[in-house]
């Protein structure tokens, strides 16, 4: 028998998706900042 999906279930899924997206954005910003630091370090060496 199929399980009934409630609005609370759907809302919870949206919240989890939002949380995961925000985490991905944070990780991307950290990687970009690290890449920028490495480029700056390389520029200083030249």
PDB file of N, CA and C in Angstrom:
ATOM      1  N   UNK A   1       0.845  -1.181   0.000  1.00  0.00           N
ATOM      2  CA  UNK A   1       0.000   0.000   0.000  1.00  0.00           C
ATOM      3  C   UNK A   1       0.893   1.247   0.000  1.00  0.00           C
ATOM      4  N   UNK A   2       0.593   2.215  -0.874  1.00  0.00           N
ATOM      5  CA  UNK A   2       1.419   3.424  -0.942  1.00  0.00           C
ATOM      6  C   UNK A   2       1.345   4.244   0.340  1.00  0.00           C
ATOM      7  N   UNK A   3       2.464   4.880   0.656  1.00  0.00           N
ATOM      8  CA  UNK A   3       2.529   5.736   1.841  1.00  0.00           C
ATOM      9  C   UNK A   3       2.016   7.123   1.464  1.00  0.00           C
ATOM     10  N   UNK A   4       1.228   7.713   2.329  1.00  0.00           N
ATOM     11  CA  UNK A   4       0.714   9.057   2.102  1.00  0.00           C
ATOM     12  C   UNK A   4       1.796  10.071   2.436  1.00  0.00           C
ATOM     13  N   UNK A   5       1.986  11.021   1.525  1.00  0.00           N
ATOM     14  CA  UNK A   5       2.947  12.087   1.742  1.00  0.00           C
ATOM     15  C   UNK A   5       2.179  13.317   2.200  1.00  0.00           C
ATOM     16  N   UNK A   6       2.592  13.842   3.334  1.00  0.00           N
ATOM     17  CA  UNK A   6       1.906  15.012   3.883  1.00  0.00           C
ATOM     18  C   UNK A   6       2.619  16.301   3.488  1.00  0.00           C
ATOM     19  N   UNK A   7       1.952  17.406   3.687  1.00  0.00           N
ATOM     20  CA  UNK A   7       2.572  18.705   3.421  1.00  0.00           C
ATOM     21  C   UNK A   7       3.793  18.893   4.311  1.00  0.00           C
ATOM     22  N   UNK A   8       3.755  18.341   5.510  1.00  0.00           N
ATOM     23  CA  UNK A   8       4.903  18.419   6.402  1.00  0.00           C
ATOM     24  C   UNK A   8       6.093  17.645   5.834  1.00  0.00           C
ATOM     25  N   UNK A   9       5.812  16.506   5.203  1.00  0.00           N
ATOM     26  CA  UNK A   9       6.872  15.728   4.553  1.00  0.00           C
ATOM     27  C   UNK A   9       7.516  16.538   3.427  1.00  0.00           C
ATOM     28  N   UNK A  10       6.667  17.150   2.610  1.00  0.00           N
ATOM     29  CA  UNK A  10       7.167  17.945   1.488  1.00  0.00           C
ATOM     30  C   UNK A  10       7.966  19.135   2.011  1.00  0.00           C
ATOM     31  N   UNK A  11       7.438  19.813   3.023  1.00  0.00           N
ATOM     32  CA  UNK A  11       8.138  20.958   3.607  1.00  0.00           C
ATOM     33  C   UNK A  11       9.496  20.523   4.157  1.00  0.00           C
ATOM     34  N   UNK A  12       9.534  19.394   4.801  1.00  0.00           N
ATOM     35  CA  UNK A  12      10.789  18.875   5.333  1.00  0.00           C
ATOM     36  C   UNK A  12      11.794  18.600   4.227  1.00  0.00           C
ATOM     37  N   UNK A  13      11.316  18.070   3.103  1.00  0.00           N
ATOM     38  CA  UNK A  13      12.209  17.811   1.976  1.00  0.00           C
ATOM     39  C   UNK A  13      12.763  19.119   1.413  1.00  0.00           C
ATOM     40  N   UNK A  14      11.903  20.138   1.297  1.00  0.00           N
ATOM     41  CA  UNK A  14      12.372  21.447   0.836  1.00  0.00           C
ATOM     42  C   UNK A  14      13.411  22.029   1.791  1.00  0.00           C
ATOM     43  N   UNK A  15      13.172  21.909   3.069  1.00  0.00           N
ATOM     44  CA  UNK A  15      14.124  22.433   4.050  1.00  0.00           C
ATOM     45  C   UNK A  15      15.464  21.718   3.952  1.00  0.00           C
ATOM     46  N   UNK A  16      15.436  20.405   3.801  1.00  0.00           N
ATOM     47  CA  UNK A  16      16.677  19.641   3.689  1.00  0.00           C
ATOM     48  C   UNK A  16      17.416  20.003   2.404  1.00  0.00           C
ATOM     49  N   UNK A  17      16.686  20.157   1.307  1.00  0.00           N
ATOM     50  CA  UNK A  17      17.304  20.557   0.050  1.00  0.00           C
ATOM     51  C   UNK A  17      17.947  21.930   0.196  1.00  0.00           C
ATOM     52  N   UNK A  18      17.257  22.835   0.850  1.00  0.00           N
ATOM     53  CA  UNK A  18      17.797  24.180   1.071  1.00  0.00           C
ATOM     54  C   UNK A  18      19.065  24.117   1.918  1.00  0.00           C
ATOM     55  N   UNK A  19      19.051  23.309   2.962  1.00  0.00           N
ATOM     56  CA  UNK A  19      20.220  23.164   3.825  1.00  0.00           C
ATOM     57  C   UNK A  19      21.406  22.627   3.025  1.00  0.00           C
ATOM     58  N   UNK A  20      21.152  21.608   2.204  1.00  0.00           N
ATOM     59  CA  UNK A  20      22.220  21.021   1.401  1.00  0.00           C
ATOM     60  C   UNK A  20      22.762  22.024   0.390  1.00  0.00           C
ATOM     61  N   UNK A  21      21.876  22.803  -0.222  1.00  0.00           N
ATOM     62  CA  UNK A  21      22.307  23.810  -1.177  1.00  0.00           C
ATOM     63  C   UNK A  21      23.180  24.862  -0.495  1.00  0.00           C
ATOM     64  N   UNK A  22      22.765  25.321   0.666  1.00  0.00           N
ATOM     65  CA  UNK A  22      23.549  26.316   1.394  1.00  0.00           C
ATOM     66  C   UNK A  22      24.925  25.770   1.767  1.00  0.00           C
ATOM     67  N   UNK A  23      24.991  24.515   2.111  1.00  0.00           N
ATOM     68  CA  UNK A  23      26.269  23.876   2.433  1.00  0.00           C
ATOM     69  C   UNK A  23      27.157  23.823   1.190  1.00  0.00           C
ATOM     70  N   UNK A  24      26.579  23.507   0.047  1.00  0.00           N
ATOM     71  CA  UNK A  24      27.346  23.475  -1.195  1.00  0.00           C
ATOM     72  C   UNK A  24      27.875  24.869  -1.534  1.00  0.00           C
ATOM     73  N   UNK A  25      27.064  25.891  -1.334  1.00  0.00           N
ATOM     74  CA  UNK A  25      27.483  27.268  -1.597  1.00  0.00           C
ATOM     75  C   UNK A  25      28.647  27.641  -0.679  1.00  0.00           C
ATOM     76  N   UNK A  26      28.539  27.292   0.599  1.00  0.00           N
ATOM     77  CA  UNK A  26      29.602  27.595   1.560  1.00  0.00           C
ATOM     78  C   UNK A  26      30.900  26.905   1.156  1.00  0.00           C
ATOM     79  N   UNK A  27      30.814  25.620   0.798  1.00  0.00           N
ATOM     80  CA  UNK A  27      32.008  24.879   0.400  1.00  0.00           C
ATOM     81  C   UNK A  27      32.618  25.463  -0.864  1.00  0.00           C
ATOM     82  N   UNK A  28      31.775  25.878  -1.813  1.00  0.00           N
ATOM     83  CA  UNK A  28      32.267  26.487  -3.045  1.00  0.00           C
ATOM     84  C   UNK A  28      33.005  27.789  -2.742  1.00  0.00           C
ATOM     85  N   UNK A  29      32.453  28.606  -1.860  1.00  0.00           N
ATOM     86  CA  UNK A  29      33.113  29.861  -1.485  1.00  0.00           C
ATOM     87  C   UNK A  29      34.473  29.598  -0.840  1.00  0.00           C
ATOM     88  N   UNK A  30      34.530  28.576   0.001  1.00  0.00           N
ATOM     89  CA  UNK A  30      35.800  28.236   0.641  1.00  0.00           C
ATOM     90  C   UNK A  30      36.833  27.790  -0.392  1.00  0.00           C
ATOM     91  N   UNK A  31      36.411  26.964  -1.348  1.00  0.00           N
ATOM     92  CA  UNK A  31      37.330  26.500  -2.397  1.00  0.00           C
ATOM     93  C   UNK A  31      37.811  27.671  -3.247  1.00  0.00           C
ATOM     94  N   UNK A  32      36.904  28.576  -3.585  1.00  0.00           N
ATOM     95  CA  UNK A  32      37.289  29.739  -4.392  1.00  0.00           C
ATOM     96  C   UNK A  32      38.275  30.625  -3.630  1.00  0.00           C
ATOM     97  N   UNK A  33      38.029  30.811  -2.361  1.00  0.00           N
ATOM     98  CA  UNK A  33      38.932  31.630  -1.553  1.00  0.00           C
ATOM     99  C   UNK A  33      40.309  30.982  -1.488  1.00  0.00           C
ATOM    100  N   UNK A  34      40.356  29.679  -1.333  1.00  0.00           N
ATOM    101  CA  UNK A  34      41.640  28.970  -1.295  1.00  0.00           C
ATOM    102  C   UNK A  34      42.353  29.086  -2.640  1.00  0.00           C
ATOM    103  N   UNK A  35      41.617  28.948  -3.721  1.00  0.00           N
ATOM    104  CA  UNK A  35      42.210  29.093  -5.053  1.00  0.00           C
ATOM    105  C   UNK A  35      42.761  30.501  -5.234  1.00  0.00           C
ATOM    106  N   UNK A  36      42.011  31.502  -4.817  1.00  0.00           N
ATOM    107  CA  UNK A  36      42.476  32.892  -4.900  1.00  0.00           C
ATOM    108  C   UNK A  36      43.773  33.083  -4.116  1.00  0.00           C
ATOM    109  N   UNK A  37      43.830  32.518  -2.913  1.00  0.00           N
ATOM    110  CA  UNK A  37      45.049  32.623  -2.098  1.00  0.00           C
ATOM    111  C   UNK A  37      46.239  31.983  -2.805  1.00  0.00           C
ATOM    112  N   UNK A  38      46.005  30.834  -3.428  1.00  0.00           N
ATOM    113  CA  UNK A  38      47.091  30.151  -4.131  1.00  0.00           C
ATOM    114  C   UNK A  38      47.569  30.969  -5.326  1.00  0.00           C
ATOM    115  N   UNK A  39      46.635  31.566  -6.072  1.00  0.00           N
ATOM    116  CA  UNK A  39      47.031  32.410  -7.195  1.00  0.00           C
ATOM    117  C   UNK A  39      47.820  33.622  -6.712  1.00  0.00           C
ATOM    118  N   UNK A  40      47.379  34.236  -5.650  1.00  0.00           N
ATOM    119  CA  UNK A  40      48.091  35.396  -5.109  1.00  0.00           C
ATOM    120  C   UNK A  40      49.498  35.006  -4.656  1.00  0.00           C
ATOM    121  N   UNK A  41      49.601  33.860  -4.024  1.00  0.00           N
ATOM    122  CA  UNK A  41      50.905  33.378  -3.587  1.00  0.00           C
ATOM    123  C   UNK A  41      51.821  33.140  -4.789  1.00  0.00           C
ATOM    124  N   UNK A  42      51.261  32.543  -5.825  1.00  0.00           N
ATOM    125  CA  UNK A  42      52.035  32.301  -7.045  1.00  0.00           C
ATOM    126  C   UNK A  42      52.474  33.612  -7.680  1.00  0.00           C
ATOM    127  N   UNK A  43      51.563  34.575  -7.737  1.00  0.00           N
ATOM    128  CA  UNK A  43      51.907  35.894  -8.295  1.00  0.00           C
ATOM    129  C   UNK A  43      53.048  36.540  -7.505  1.00  0.00           C
ATOM    130  N   UNK A  44      53.013  36.424  -6.208  1.00  0.00           N
ATOM    131  CA  UNK A  44      54.084  37.027  -5.384  1.00  0.00           C
ATOM    132  C   UNK A  44      55.423  36.352  -5.663  1.00  0.00           C
ATOM    133  N   UNK A  45      55.393  35.071  -5.944  1.00  0.00           N
ATOM    134  CA  UNK A  45      56.644  34.356  -6.203  1.00  0.00           C
ATOM    135  C   UNK A  45      57.275  34.782  -7.522  1.00  0.00           C
ATOM    136  N   UNK A  46      56.444  35.210  -8.468  1.00  0.00           N
ATOM    137  CA  UNK A  46      56.965  35.647  -9.765  1.00  0.00           C
ATOM    138  C   UNK A  46      57.224  37.112  -9.656  1.00  0.00           C
TER     139      UNK A  46
END
